[in-house]
């Protein structure tokens, strides 16, 4: 659990839940957190809409995107990231599995985000996951910004 700091913003871009905004608002209000919620698309993030962000958590979005969507996500996330930003990505091992995302490797993750470096990688805890999900061998990747400049195509 992250330490609570009243000046932090939480930006929720995509949550797999029937009513994600209500779910997250209820969780935040129950803890007494002040949270700003923004619904959006990771391939179309804009600084003028979400501001600058220093922490990103992806629990299952990236590994299901097409190559073009991944490239757009990398550009747009970089465009709204602070110079000291951290990104945590949970991704299944690459593979062909019916009804499940295609997965992503360390190389896939590392090559998608301009000006970022993968600093850590470790297996995800699969305790309690159904067998088919355990077999995807999910991994956590931690990335840190390495370049203070934004990509030329990032826009506002």
N, C-alpha and C. Protein backbone atom coordinates (compact mmCIF):
# COMPACT_ATOMS: atom_id res chain seq x y z
N UNK A 1 0.84 -1.17 0.00
CA UNK A 1 0.00 0.00 0.00
C UNK A 1 0.89 1.24 0.00
N UNK A 2 0.56 2.22 -0.81
CA UNK A 2 1.32 3.46 -0.87
C UNK A 2 0.97 4.35 0.30
N UNK A 3 1.96 5.11 0.82
CA UNK A 3 1.65 6.04 1.91
C UNK A 3 0.67 7.11 1.43
N UNK A 4 -0.23 7.50 2.30
CA UNK A 4 -1.22 8.51 1.94
C UNK A 4 -0.60 9.89 2.07
N UNK A 5 -0.72 10.67 1.02
CA UNK A 5 -0.26 12.05 1.02
C UNK A 5 -1.38 12.88 0.42
N UNK A 6 -1.89 13.86 1.15
CA UNK A 6 -3.07 14.59 0.69
C UNK A 6 -2.89 15.34 -0.62
N UNK A 7 -1.66 15.60 -1.05
CA UNK A 7 -1.46 16.37 -2.27
C UNK A 7 -1.37 15.50 -3.51
N UNK A 8 -1.44 14.17 -3.36
CA UNK A 8 -1.32 13.29 -4.51
C UNK A 8 -2.62 13.24 -5.30
N UNK A 9 -2.49 13.14 -6.62
CA UNK A 9 -3.63 12.91 -7.50
C UNK A 9 -3.59 11.47 -7.94
N UNK A 10 -4.75 10.89 -8.08
CA UNK A 10 -4.88 9.56 -8.66
C UNK A 10 -5.63 9.72 -9.96
N UNK A 11 -5.02 9.29 -11.04
CA UNK A 11 -5.68 9.36 -12.34
C UNK A 11 -6.00 7.93 -12.76
N UNK A 12 -7.27 7.62 -12.86
CA UNK A 12 -7.70 6.28 -13.28
C UNK A 12 -8.06 6.35 -14.75
N UNK A 13 -7.33 5.61 -15.58
CA UNK A 13 -7.57 5.65 -17.01
C UNK A 13 -8.44 4.49 -17.46
N UNK A 14 -8.14 3.29 -16.98
CA UNK A 14 -8.94 2.14 -17.38
C UNK A 14 -9.00 1.15 -16.24
N UNK A 15 -10.18 0.75 -15.89
CA UNK A 15 -10.37 -0.23 -14.84
C UNK A 15 -11.40 -1.24 -15.34
N UNK A 16 -11.07 -2.53 -15.23
CA UNK A 16 -12.01 -3.56 -15.66
C UNK A 16 -13.00 -3.82 -14.52
N UNK A 17 -14.10 -3.12 -14.53
CA UNK A 17 -15.15 -3.25 -13.53
C UNK A 17 -16.42 -2.72 -14.19
N UNK A 18 -17.58 -3.30 -13.89
CA UNK A 18 -18.81 -2.83 -14.55
C UNK A 18 -19.07 -1.34 -14.35
N UNK A 19 -18.68 -0.81 -13.21
CA UNK A 19 -18.88 0.61 -12.93
C UNK A 19 -17.60 1.16 -12.31
N UNK A 20 -16.53 1.32 -13.12
CA UNK A 20 -15.21 1.63 -12.56
C UNK A 20 -15.16 2.93 -11.78
N UNK A 21 -15.77 3.98 -12.27
CA UNK A 21 -15.68 5.25 -11.57
C UNK A 21 -16.33 5.15 -10.19
N UNK A 22 -17.54 4.56 -10.14
CA UNK A 22 -18.23 4.43 -8.86
C UNK A 22 -17.43 3.54 -7.91
N UNK A 23 -16.87 2.44 -8.43
CA UNK A 23 -16.06 1.53 -7.62
C UNK A 23 -14.87 2.28 -7.00
N UNK A 24 -14.14 3.02 -7.82
CA UNK A 24 -12.96 3.73 -7.32
C UNK A 24 -13.34 4.88 -6.39
N UNK A 25 -14.40 5.59 -6.71
CA UNK A 25 -14.84 6.68 -5.83
C UNK A 25 -15.24 6.14 -4.47
N UNK A 26 -15.97 5.04 -4.44
CA UNK A 26 -16.38 4.44 -3.17
C UNK A 26 -15.16 4.02 -2.36
N UNK A 27 -14.16 3.42 -3.02
CA UNK A 27 -12.94 3.00 -2.32
C UNK A 27 -12.19 4.20 -1.76
N UNK A 28 -12.05 5.25 -2.56
CA UNK A 28 -11.31 6.44 -2.12
C UNK A 28 -12.05 7.15 -0.98
N UNK A 29 -13.35 7.32 -1.13
CA UNK A 29 -14.14 8.01 -0.11
C UNK A 29 -14.13 7.24 1.19
N UNK A 30 -14.16 5.92 1.09
CA UNK A 30 -14.12 5.09 2.29
C UNK A 30 -12.84 5.26 3.07
N UNK A 31 -11.77 5.60 2.40
CA UNK A 31 -10.47 5.84 3.06
C UNK A 31 -10.27 7.29 3.42
N UNK A 32 -11.14 8.16 2.92
CA UNK A 32 -10.98 9.58 3.18
C UNK A 32 -9.99 10.25 2.25
N UNK A 33 -9.65 9.60 1.15
CA UNK A 33 -8.70 10.18 0.19
C UNK A 33 -9.38 11.22 -0.68
N UNK A 34 -8.63 12.24 -1.05
CA UNK A 34 -9.10 13.20 -2.03
C UNK A 34 -8.56 12.74 -3.38
N UNK A 35 -9.46 12.42 -4.30
CA UNK A 35 -9.05 11.82 -5.56
C UNK A 35 -9.75 12.54 -6.71
N UNK A 36 -8.99 12.77 -7.77
CA UNK A 36 -9.53 13.35 -9.00
C UNK A 36 -9.62 12.21 -10.01
N UNK A 37 -10.82 11.94 -10.52
CA UNK A 37 -11.03 10.85 -11.46
C UNK A 37 -11.19 11.39 -12.86
N UNK A 38 -10.46 10.77 -13.78
CA UNK A 38 -10.54 11.13 -15.18
C UNK A 38 -10.71 9.84 -15.97
N UNK A 39 -11.73 9.79 -16.81
CA UNK A 39 -11.89 8.64 -17.68
C UNK A 39 -11.22 8.97 -19.00
N UNK A 40 -10.46 8.02 -19.52
CA UNK A 40 -9.76 8.30 -20.76
C UNK A 40 -9.24 7.05 -21.42
N UNK A 41 -8.48 7.26 -22.43
CA UNK A 41 -7.91 6.20 -23.24
C UNK A 41 -6.40 6.37 -23.21
N UNK A 42 -5.66 5.33 -22.84
CA UNK A 42 -4.21 5.44 -22.71
C UNK A 42 -3.52 5.81 -24.02
N UNK A 43 -4.19 5.63 -25.14
CA UNK A 43 -3.59 5.98 -26.42
C UNK A 43 -3.88 7.42 -26.83
N UNK A 44 -4.62 8.15 -25.98
CA UNK A 44 -4.98 9.54 -26.29
C UNK A 44 -4.83 10.46 -25.08
N UNK A 45 -3.91 10.16 -24.16
CA UNK A 45 -3.71 11.02 -22.99
C UNK A 45 -3.18 12.38 -23.41
N UNK A 46 -3.67 13.42 -22.73
CA UNK A 46 -3.22 14.79 -23.02
C UNK A 46 -2.92 15.50 -21.70
N UNK A 47 -1.79 16.24 -21.66
CA UNK A 47 -1.41 16.99 -20.47
C UNK A 47 -2.47 17.99 -20.07
N UNK A 48 -3.13 18.62 -21.05
CA UNK A 48 -4.13 19.63 -20.68
C UNK A 48 -5.38 18.99 -20.06
N UNK A 49 -5.53 17.69 -20.17
CA UNK A 49 -6.66 16.99 -19.56
C UNK A 49 -6.29 16.28 -18.26
N UNK A 50 -5.10 15.68 -18.19
CA UNK A 50 -4.72 14.92 -17.00
C UNK A 50 -3.61 15.56 -16.19
N UNK A 51 -2.97 16.59 -16.72
CA UNK A 51 -1.85 17.20 -16.01
C UNK A 51 -0.61 16.32 -16.12
N UNK A 52 0.41 16.64 -15.31
CA UNK A 52 1.61 15.81 -15.27
C UNK A 52 1.45 14.79 -14.15
N UNK A 53 1.93 13.58 -14.40
CA UNK A 53 1.75 12.48 -13.46
C UNK A 53 3.09 11.84 -13.18
N UNK A 54 3.30 11.43 -11.91
CA UNK A 54 4.59 10.83 -11.57
C UNK A 54 4.52 9.34 -11.27
N UNK A 55 3.32 8.77 -11.30
CA UNK A 55 3.20 7.33 -11.05
C UNK A 55 2.07 6.76 -11.91
N UNK A 56 2.38 5.67 -12.60
CA UNK A 56 1.41 4.99 -13.45
C UNK A 56 1.38 3.52 -13.05
N UNK A 57 0.19 2.95 -12.98
CA UNK A 57 0.02 1.54 -12.67
C UNK A 57 -0.84 0.91 -13.75
N UNK A 58 -0.28 -0.06 -14.44
CA UNK A 58 -1.00 -0.77 -15.50
C UNK A 58 -1.14 -2.22 -15.08
N UNK A 59 -2.36 -2.61 -14.78
CA UNK A 59 -2.63 -3.99 -14.38
C UNK A 59 -3.46 -4.66 -15.46
N UNK A 60 -2.82 -4.91 -16.60
CA UNK A 60 -3.48 -5.68 -17.64
C UNK A 60 -3.93 -4.94 -18.87
N UNK A 61 -3.55 -3.70 -19.06
CA UNK A 61 -3.95 -2.97 -20.27
C UNK A 61 -2.93 -3.21 -21.39
N UNK A 62 -1.68 -2.88 -21.14
CA UNK A 62 -0.63 -2.91 -22.15
C UNK A 62 -0.54 -4.25 -22.88
N UNK A 63 -0.57 -5.34 -22.14
CA UNK A 63 -0.32 -6.65 -22.75
C UNK A 63 -1.44 -7.11 -23.68
N UNK A 64 -2.54 -6.39 -23.75
CA UNK A 64 -3.62 -6.74 -24.65
C UNK A 64 -3.74 -5.82 -25.85
N UNK A 65 -2.89 -4.81 -25.94
CA UNK A 65 -2.96 -3.83 -27.02
C UNK A 65 -2.26 -4.32 -28.29
N UNK A 66 -2.69 -3.77 -29.42
CA UNK A 66 -2.00 -4.02 -30.69
C UNK A 66 -0.67 -3.26 -30.68
N UNK A 67 0.20 -3.53 -31.63
CA UNK A 67 1.47 -2.80 -31.71
C UNK A 67 1.24 -1.31 -31.87
N UNK A 68 0.29 -0.92 -32.70
CA UNK A 68 0.01 0.51 -32.91
C UNK A 68 -0.52 1.15 -31.63
N UNK A 69 -1.39 0.45 -30.92
CA UNK A 69 -1.91 0.98 -29.66
C UNK A 69 -0.81 1.09 -28.61
N UNK A 70 0.09 0.12 -28.59
CA UNK A 70 1.22 0.18 -27.65
C UNK A 70 2.09 1.39 -27.93
N UNK A 71 2.39 1.63 -29.20
CA UNK A 71 3.21 2.79 -29.56
C UNK A 71 2.53 4.08 -29.13
N UNK A 72 1.22 4.18 -29.38
CA UNK A 72 0.48 5.38 -28.99
C UNK A 72 0.47 5.53 -27.47
N UNK A 73 0.29 4.44 -26.75
CA UNK A 73 0.31 4.49 -25.29
C UNK A 73 1.67 4.98 -24.81
N UNK A 74 2.75 4.46 -25.39
CA UNK A 74 4.10 4.88 -25.00
C UNK A 74 4.31 6.37 -25.21
N UNK A 75 3.90 6.88 -26.36
CA UNK A 75 4.05 8.32 -26.64
C UNK A 75 3.20 9.16 -25.71
N UNK A 76 1.94 8.80 -25.52
CA UNK A 76 1.01 9.61 -24.74
C UNK A 76 1.33 9.57 -23.25
N UNK A 77 1.70 8.39 -22.74
CA UNK A 77 2.07 8.30 -21.34
C UNK A 77 3.32 9.13 -21.06
N UNK A 78 4.28 9.05 -21.97
CA UNK A 78 5.50 9.86 -21.82
C UNK A 78 5.17 11.34 -21.86
N UNK A 79 4.21 11.73 -22.67
CA UNK A 79 3.83 13.14 -22.80
C UNK A 79 3.25 13.71 -21.51
N UNK A 80 2.65 12.88 -20.66
CA UNK A 80 2.04 13.38 -19.42
C UNK A 80 2.87 13.04 -18.18
N UNK A 81 4.00 12.36 -18.37
CA UNK A 81 4.83 11.93 -17.24
C UNK A 81 5.78 13.04 -16.79
N UNK A 82 6.01 13.11 -15.47
CA UNK A 82 7.02 14.01 -14.95
C UNK A 82 8.40 13.42 -15.27
N UNK A 83 9.43 14.21 -15.04
CA UNK A 83 10.81 13.75 -15.30
C UNK A 83 11.23 12.61 -14.37
N UNK A 84 10.59 12.49 -13.21
CA UNK A 84 10.94 11.46 -12.24
C UNK A 84 9.92 10.33 -12.20
N UNK A 85 9.09 10.21 -13.19
CA UNK A 85 7.97 9.27 -13.17
C UNK A 85 8.39 7.81 -13.10
N UNK A 86 7.50 7.02 -12.52
CA UNK A 86 7.64 5.56 -12.43
C UNK A 86 6.41 4.94 -13.07
N UNK A 87 6.62 3.83 -13.77
CA UNK A 87 5.54 3.07 -14.38
C UNK A 87 5.69 1.62 -13.95
N UNK A 88 4.61 1.04 -13.42
CA UNK A 88 4.57 -0.38 -13.10
C UNK A 88 3.61 -1.05 -14.07
N UNK A 89 4.08 -2.11 -14.72
CA UNK A 89 3.27 -2.82 -15.71
C UNK A 89 3.19 -4.30 -15.32
N UNK A 90 1.98 -4.82 -15.25
CA UNK A 90 1.77 -6.25 -15.08
C UNK A 90 1.44 -6.82 -16.45
N UNK A 91 2.20 -7.83 -16.87
CA UNK A 91 1.98 -8.40 -18.20
C UNK A 91 2.13 -9.91 -18.17
N UNK A 92 1.25 -10.58 -18.90
CA UNK A 92 1.38 -12.02 -19.11
C UNK A 92 2.57 -12.29 -20.02
N UNK A 93 3.15 -13.48 -19.89
CA UNK A 93 4.19 -13.93 -20.81
C UNK A 93 3.57 -13.97 -22.21
N UNK A 94 4.33 -13.57 -23.23
CA UNK A 94 3.78 -13.62 -24.59
C UNK A 94 3.36 -15.03 -24.97
N UNK A 95 2.27 -15.13 -25.72
CA UNK A 95 1.80 -16.43 -26.17
C UNK A 95 0.42 -16.33 -26.80
N UNK A 96 0.03 -17.39 -27.45
CA UNK A 96 -1.30 -17.46 -28.07
C UNK A 96 -2.19 -18.27 -27.14
N UNK A 97 -3.18 -17.58 -26.59
CA UNK A 97 -4.11 -18.22 -25.67
C UNK A 97 -5.52 -17.75 -26.02
N UNK A 98 -6.44 -18.65 -26.23
CA UNK A 98 -7.81 -18.23 -26.54
C UNK A 98 -8.39 -17.39 -25.40
N UNK A 99 -9.03 -16.30 -25.76
CA UNK A 99 -9.75 -15.43 -24.83
C UNK A 99 -8.88 -14.65 -23.84
N UNK A 100 -7.57 -14.73 -23.97
CA UNK A 100 -6.68 -13.98 -23.08
C UNK A 100 -5.79 -13.05 -23.90
N UNK A 101 -5.30 -11.97 -23.28
CA UNK A 101 -4.40 -11.06 -24.00
C UNK A 101 -3.16 -11.78 -24.50
N UNK A 102 -2.55 -11.20 -25.53
CA UNK A 102 -1.39 -11.83 -26.16
C UNK A 102 -0.14 -11.80 -25.30
N UNK A 103 -0.10 -10.94 -24.29
CA UNK A 103 1.04 -10.87 -23.40
C UNK A 103 2.11 -9.91 -23.91
N UNK A 104 3.18 -9.77 -23.13
CA UNK A 104 4.28 -8.87 -23.48
C UNK A 104 5.55 -9.31 -22.77
N UNK A 105 6.66 -9.18 -23.45
CA UNK A 105 7.97 -9.51 -22.88
C UNK A 105 8.63 -8.25 -22.33
N UNK A 106 9.75 -8.43 -21.66
CA UNK A 106 10.52 -7.29 -21.17
C UNK A 106 10.93 -6.40 -22.34
N UNK A 107 11.31 -7.02 -23.46
CA UNK A 107 11.69 -6.25 -24.64
C UNK A 107 10.51 -5.46 -25.17
N UNK A 108 9.32 -6.07 -25.22
CA UNK A 108 8.12 -5.36 -25.67
C UNK A 108 7.87 -4.13 -24.81
N UNK A 109 7.92 -4.33 -23.50
CA UNK A 109 7.65 -3.23 -22.57
C UNK A 109 8.74 -2.16 -22.70
N UNK A 110 9.99 -2.57 -22.67
CA UNK A 110 11.10 -1.60 -22.70
C UNK A 110 11.20 -0.80 -23.98
N UNK A 111 10.84 -1.41 -25.11
CA UNK A 111 10.99 -0.70 -26.39
C UNK A 111 9.80 0.21 -26.71
N UNK A 112 8.74 0.12 -25.95
CA UNK A 112 7.53 0.88 -26.25
C UNK A 112 7.53 2.28 -25.66
N UNK A 113 8.25 2.49 -24.58
CA UNK A 113 8.19 3.77 -23.87
C UNK A 113 9.45 4.58 -24.11
N UNK A 114 9.38 5.61 -24.98
CA UNK A 114 10.56 6.42 -25.29
C UNK A 114 11.01 7.21 -24.06
N UNK A 115 12.30 7.15 -23.80
CA UNK A 115 12.85 7.90 -22.67
C UNK A 115 12.64 7.22 -21.33
N UNK A 116 12.36 5.92 -21.34
CA UNK A 116 12.17 5.14 -20.11
C UNK A 116 13.12 3.94 -20.14
N UNK A 117 13.42 3.40 -18.96
CA UNK A 117 14.23 2.18 -18.86
C UNK A 117 13.56 1.22 -17.89
N UNK A 118 13.58 -0.07 -18.23
CA UNK A 118 13.10 -1.10 -17.32
C UNK A 118 14.17 -1.26 -16.25
N UNK A 119 13.82 -0.98 -14.99
CA UNK A 119 14.79 -1.06 -13.90
C UNK A 119 14.64 -2.31 -13.06
N UNK A 120 13.45 -2.91 -13.07
CA UNK A 120 13.20 -4.11 -12.29
C UNK A 120 12.21 -5.00 -13.02
N UNK A 121 12.33 -6.29 -12.75
CA UNK A 121 11.39 -7.27 -13.29
C UNK A 121 11.29 -8.40 -12.28
N UNK A 122 10.06 -8.82 -12.00
CA UNK A 122 9.89 -9.95 -11.09
C UNK A 122 8.58 -10.67 -11.37
N UNK A 123 8.51 -11.95 -11.02
CA UNK A 123 7.28 -12.69 -11.22
C UNK A 123 6.16 -12.11 -10.34
N UNK A 124 4.95 -12.08 -10.87
CA UNK A 124 3.80 -11.63 -10.10
C UNK A 124 3.32 -12.77 -9.20
N UNK A 125 2.75 -12.42 -8.09
CA UNK A 125 2.16 -13.40 -7.18
C UNK A 125 0.89 -13.94 -7.84
N UNK A 126 0.85 -15.24 -8.06
CA UNK A 126 -0.31 -15.85 -8.72
C UNK A 126 -1.21 -16.60 -7.73
N UNK A 127 -0.95 -16.41 -6.45
CA UNK A 127 -1.78 -17.05 -5.43
C UNK A 127 -3.24 -16.65 -5.64
N UNK A 128 -4.09 -17.65 -5.70
CA UNK A 128 -5.51 -17.39 -5.86
C UNK A 128 -5.98 -17.23 -7.30
N UNK A 129 -5.05 -17.16 -8.24
CA UNK A 129 -5.45 -17.06 -9.65
C UNK A 129 -5.91 -18.41 -10.17
N UNK A 130 -6.88 -18.43 -11.08
CA UNK A 130 -7.26 -19.69 -11.72
C UNK A 130 -6.09 -20.24 -12.53
N UNK A 131 -6.09 -21.55 -12.72
CA UNK A 131 -5.01 -22.22 -13.45
C UNK A 131 -4.63 -21.59 -14.77
N UNK A 132 -5.61 -21.28 -15.65
CA UNK A 132 -5.23 -20.69 -16.94
C UNK A 132 -4.46 -19.37 -16.79
N UNK A 133 -4.80 -18.57 -15.79
CA UNK A 133 -4.07 -17.31 -15.59
C UNK A 133 -2.69 -17.56 -14.98
N UNK A 134 -2.59 -18.53 -14.09
CA UNK A 134 -1.27 -18.87 -13.52
C UNK A 134 -0.31 -19.27 -14.63
N UNK A 135 -0.81 -20.01 -15.62
CA UNK A 135 0.05 -20.50 -16.71
C UNK A 135 0.53 -19.38 -17.63
N UNK A 136 -0.03 -18.19 -17.51
CA UNK A 136 0.46 -17.06 -18.31
C UNK A 136 1.76 -16.50 -17.75
N UNK A 137 2.16 -16.96 -16.56
CA UNK A 137 3.40 -16.51 -15.91
C UNK A 137 3.51 -14.99 -15.89
N UNK A 138 2.55 -14.30 -15.28
CA UNK A 138 2.59 -12.84 -15.27
C UNK A 138 3.82 -12.29 -14.55
N UNK A 139 4.30 -11.15 -15.04
CA UNK A 139 5.48 -10.50 -14.48
C UNK A 139 5.20 -9.03 -14.26
N UNK A 140 5.84 -8.48 -13.24
CA UNK A 140 5.81 -7.03 -13.00
C UNK A 140 7.07 -6.42 -13.60
N UNK A 141 6.91 -5.30 -14.28
CA UNK A 141 8.02 -4.53 -14.81
C UNK A 141 7.94 -3.12 -14.22
N UNK A 142 9.07 -2.64 -13.71
CA UNK A 142 9.15 -1.26 -13.21
C UNK A 142 10.00 -0.46 -14.20
N UNK A 143 9.46 0.65 -14.66
CA UNK A 143 10.18 1.54 -15.57
C UNK A 143 10.34 2.90 -14.91
N UNK A 144 11.46 3.54 -15.19
CA UNK A 144 11.73 4.90 -14.71
C UNK A 144 12.07 5.77 -15.90
N UNK A 145 11.66 7.03 -15.82
CA UNK A 145 12.03 7.98 -16.88
C UNK A 145 13.54 8.15 -16.87
N UNK A 146 14.14 8.15 -18.05
CA UNK A 146 15.58 8.36 -18.18
C UNK A 146 15.88 9.61 -18.97
N UNK A 147 14.89 10.11 -19.69
CA UNK A 147 15.08 11.28 -20.53
C UNK A 147 14.12 12.37 -20.09
N UNK A 148 14.65 13.59 -19.85
CA UNK A 148 13.77 14.68 -19.42
C UNK A 148 12.95 15.28 -20.54
N UNK A 149 13.25 14.92 -21.78
CA UNK A 149 12.51 15.52 -22.89
C UNK A 149 11.33 14.66 -23.27
N UNK A 150 10.34 15.28 -23.84
CA UNK A 150 9.15 14.59 -24.31
C UNK A 150 9.33 14.24 -25.76
N UNK A 151 8.65 13.20 -26.24
CA UNK A 151 8.76 12.86 -27.66
C UNK A 151 8.23 13.99 -28.53
N UNK A 152 8.84 14.16 -29.70
CA UNK A 152 8.48 15.27 -30.58
C UNK A 152 7.02 15.22 -31.02
N UNK A 153 6.44 14.03 -31.09
CA UNK A 153 5.06 13.90 -31.55
C UNK A 153 4.05 13.93 -30.42
N UNK A 154 4.49 14.22 -29.20
CA UNK A 154 3.62 14.10 -28.04
C UNK A 154 2.52 15.15 -27.99
N UNK A 155 2.74 16.35 -28.48
CA UNK A 155 1.69 17.37 -28.46
C UNK A 155 1.40 17.84 -27.06
N UNK A 156 0.26 18.53 -26.89
CA UNK A 156 -0.08 19.09 -25.58
C UNK A 156 -0.38 18.03 -24.55
